[in-house]
């Protein structure tokens, strides 16, 4: 049987990843919408918009690191 402490640590880890992924998705959505609008005006902005779209993924990487640290408490 799983100890309650281990179950709560696993739940905290899952919530951490979920919230970070949701935040990154919202950020990417906003950047993509604005980037497409900017590229409609000036096509040479493609590279910059592509880089800006990838930057919010670091939020998920930080969430993964925190999740691994939380699991390390078990």
C-alpha atoms as a PDB file:
ATOM      1  CA  UNK A   1       0.000   0.000   0.000  1.00  0.00           C
ATOM      2  CA  UNK A   2       1.208   3.509  -0.809  1.00  0.00           C
ATOM      3  CA  UNK A   3       1.987   5.782   2.083  1.00  0.00           C
ATOM      4  CA  UNK A   4      -0.054   9.000   2.189  1.00  0.00           C
ATOM      5  CA  UNK A   5       3.115  11.112   2.212  1.00  0.00           C
ATOM      6  CA  UNK A   6       4.375   9.567  -1.019  1.00  0.00           C
ATOM      7  CA  UNK A   7       0.968  10.008  -2.642  1.00  0.00           C
ATOM      8  CA  UNK A   8       0.864  13.695  -1.713  1.00  0.00           C
ATOM      9  CA  UNK A   9       4.391  14.225  -3.037  1.00  0.00           C
ATOM     10  CA  UNK A  10       3.382  12.606  -6.336  1.00  0.00           C
ATOM     11  CA  UNK A  11       0.268  14.794  -6.479  1.00  0.00           C
ATOM     12  CA  UNK A  12       2.317  17.934  -5.820  1.00  0.00           C
ATOM     13  CA  UNK A  13       4.707  16.943  -8.587  1.00  0.00           C
ATOM     14  CA  UNK A  14       1.855  16.364 -11.041  1.00  0.00           C
ATOM     15  CA  UNK A  15       0.226  19.692 -10.165  1.00  0.00           C
ATOM     16  CA  UNK A  16       3.564  21.467 -10.699  1.00  0.00           C
ATOM     17  CA  UNK A  17       3.964  20.053 -14.198  1.00  0.00           C
ATOM     18  CA  UNK A  18       0.301  20.724 -15.039  1.00  0.00           C
ATOM     19  CA  UNK A  19       0.324  24.362 -13.989  1.00  0.00           C
ATOM     20  CA  UNK A  20       3.647  25.058 -15.732  1.00  0.00           C
ATOM     21  CA  UNK A  21       2.445  23.436 -18.944  1.00  0.00           C
ATOM     22  CA  UNK A  22      -0.805  25.396 -18.867  1.00  0.00           C
ATOM     23  CA  UNK A  23       1.061  28.682 -18.281  1.00  0.00           C
ATOM     24  CA  UNK A  24       3.444  27.953 -21.151  1.00  0.00           C
ATOM     25  CA  UNK A  25       0.527  27.153 -23.462  1.00  0.00           C
ATOM     26  CA  UNK A  26      -1.172  30.450 -22.635  1.00  0.00           C
ATOM     27  CA  UNK A  27       2.051  32.375 -23.231  1.00  0.00           C
ATOM     28  CA  UNK A  28       2.721  30.623 -26.530  1.00  0.00           C
ATOM     29  CA  UNK A  29      -0.828  31.283 -27.688  1.00  0.00           C
ATOM     30  CA  UNK A  30      -0.519  34.996 -27.036  1.00  0.00           C
ATOM     31  CA  UNK A  31       2.904  35.251 -28.658  1.00  0.00           C
ATOM     32  CA  UNK A  32       1.777  33.261 -31.691  1.00  0.00           C
ATOM     33  CA  UNK A  33      -1.302  35.433 -32.240  1.00  0.00           C
ATOM     34  CA  UNK A  34       0.725  38.628 -32.030  1.00  0.00           C
ATOM     35  CA  UNK A  35       3.508  37.130 -34.146  1.00  0.00           C
ATOM     36  CA  UNK A  36       1.173  36.129 -36.955  1.00  0.00           C
ATOM     37  CA  UNK A  37      -0.303  39.616 -36.943  1.00  0.00           C
ATOM     38  CA  UNK A  38       3.190  41.135 -37.120  1.00  0.00           C
ATOM     39  CA  UNK A  39       4.253  38.785 -39.932  1.00  0.00           C
ATOM     40  CA  UNK A  40       1.174  39.761 -41.915  1.00  0.00           C
ATOM     41  CA  UNK A  41       2.577  43.286 -41.933  1.00  0.00           C
ATOM     42  CA  UNK A  42       6.262  42.395 -42.421  1.00  0.00           C
ATOM     43  CA  UNK A  43       7.362  38.900 -43.465  1.00  0.00           C
ATOM     44  CA  UNK A  44      10.976  39.414 -42.414  1.00  0.00           C
ATOM     45  CA  UNK A  45       9.954  39.059 -38.738  1.00  0.00           C
ATOM     46  CA  UNK A  46       9.572  35.278 -39.079  1.00  0.00           C
ATOM     47  CA  UNK A  47      12.856  34.393 -37.350  1.00  0.00           C
ATOM     48  CA  UNK A  48      12.237  36.666 -34.387  1.00  0.00           C
ATOM     49  CA  UNK A  49       8.688  35.440 -33.957  1.00  0.00           C
ATOM     50  CA  UNK A  50       9.859  31.829 -34.099  1.00  0.00           C
ATOM     51  CA  UNK A  51      12.412  32.460 -31.355  1.00  0.00           C
ATOM     52  CA  UNK A  52       9.857  34.287 -29.214  1.00  0.00           C
ATOM     53  CA  UNK A  53       7.429  31.404 -29.595  1.00  0.00           C
ATOM     54  CA  UNK A  54       9.982  28.919 -28.247  1.00  0.00           C
ATOM     55  CA  UNK A  55      11.002  30.965 -25.185  1.00  0.00           C
ATOM     56  CA  UNK A  56       7.935  30.060 -23.030  1.00  0.00           C
ATOM     57  CA  UNK A  57       8.987  26.404 -23.195  1.00  0.00           C
ATOM     58  CA  UNK A  58      11.594  27.253 -20.562  1.00  0.00           C
ATOM     59  CA  UNK A  59       8.691  27.587 -18.121  1.00  0.00           C
ATOM     60  CA  UNK A  60       7.948  23.891 -18.625  1.00  0.00           C
ATOM     61  CA  UNK A  61      11.616  22.987 -18.186  1.00  0.00           C
ATOM     62  CA  UNK A  62      11.747  24.890 -14.891  1.00  0.00           C
ATOM     63  CA  UNK A  63       8.546  23.128 -13.817  1.00  0.00           C
ATOM     64  CA  UNK A  64      10.120  19.782 -14.647  1.00  0.00           C
ATOM     65  CA  UNK A  65      13.181  20.619 -12.544  1.00  0.00           C
ATOM     66  CA  UNK A  66      10.989  21.657  -9.595  1.00  0.00           C
ATOM     67  CA  UNK A  67       8.921  18.500 -10.018  1.00  0.00           C
ATOM     68  CA  UNK A  68      12.049  16.343  -9.911  1.00  0.00           C
ATOM     69  CA  UNK A  69      13.166  18.180  -6.769  1.00  0.00           C
ATOM     70  CA  UNK A  70       9.762  17.557  -5.177  1.00  0.00           C
ATOM     71  CA  UNK A  71       9.952  13.860  -6.023  1.00  0.00           C
ATOM     72  CA  UNK A  72      13.415  13.818  -4.463  1.00  0.00           C
ATOM     73  CA  UNK A  73      11.742  14.526  -1.117  1.00  0.00           C
ATOM     74  CA  UNK A  74      10.165  11.056  -1.111  1.00  0.00           C
END
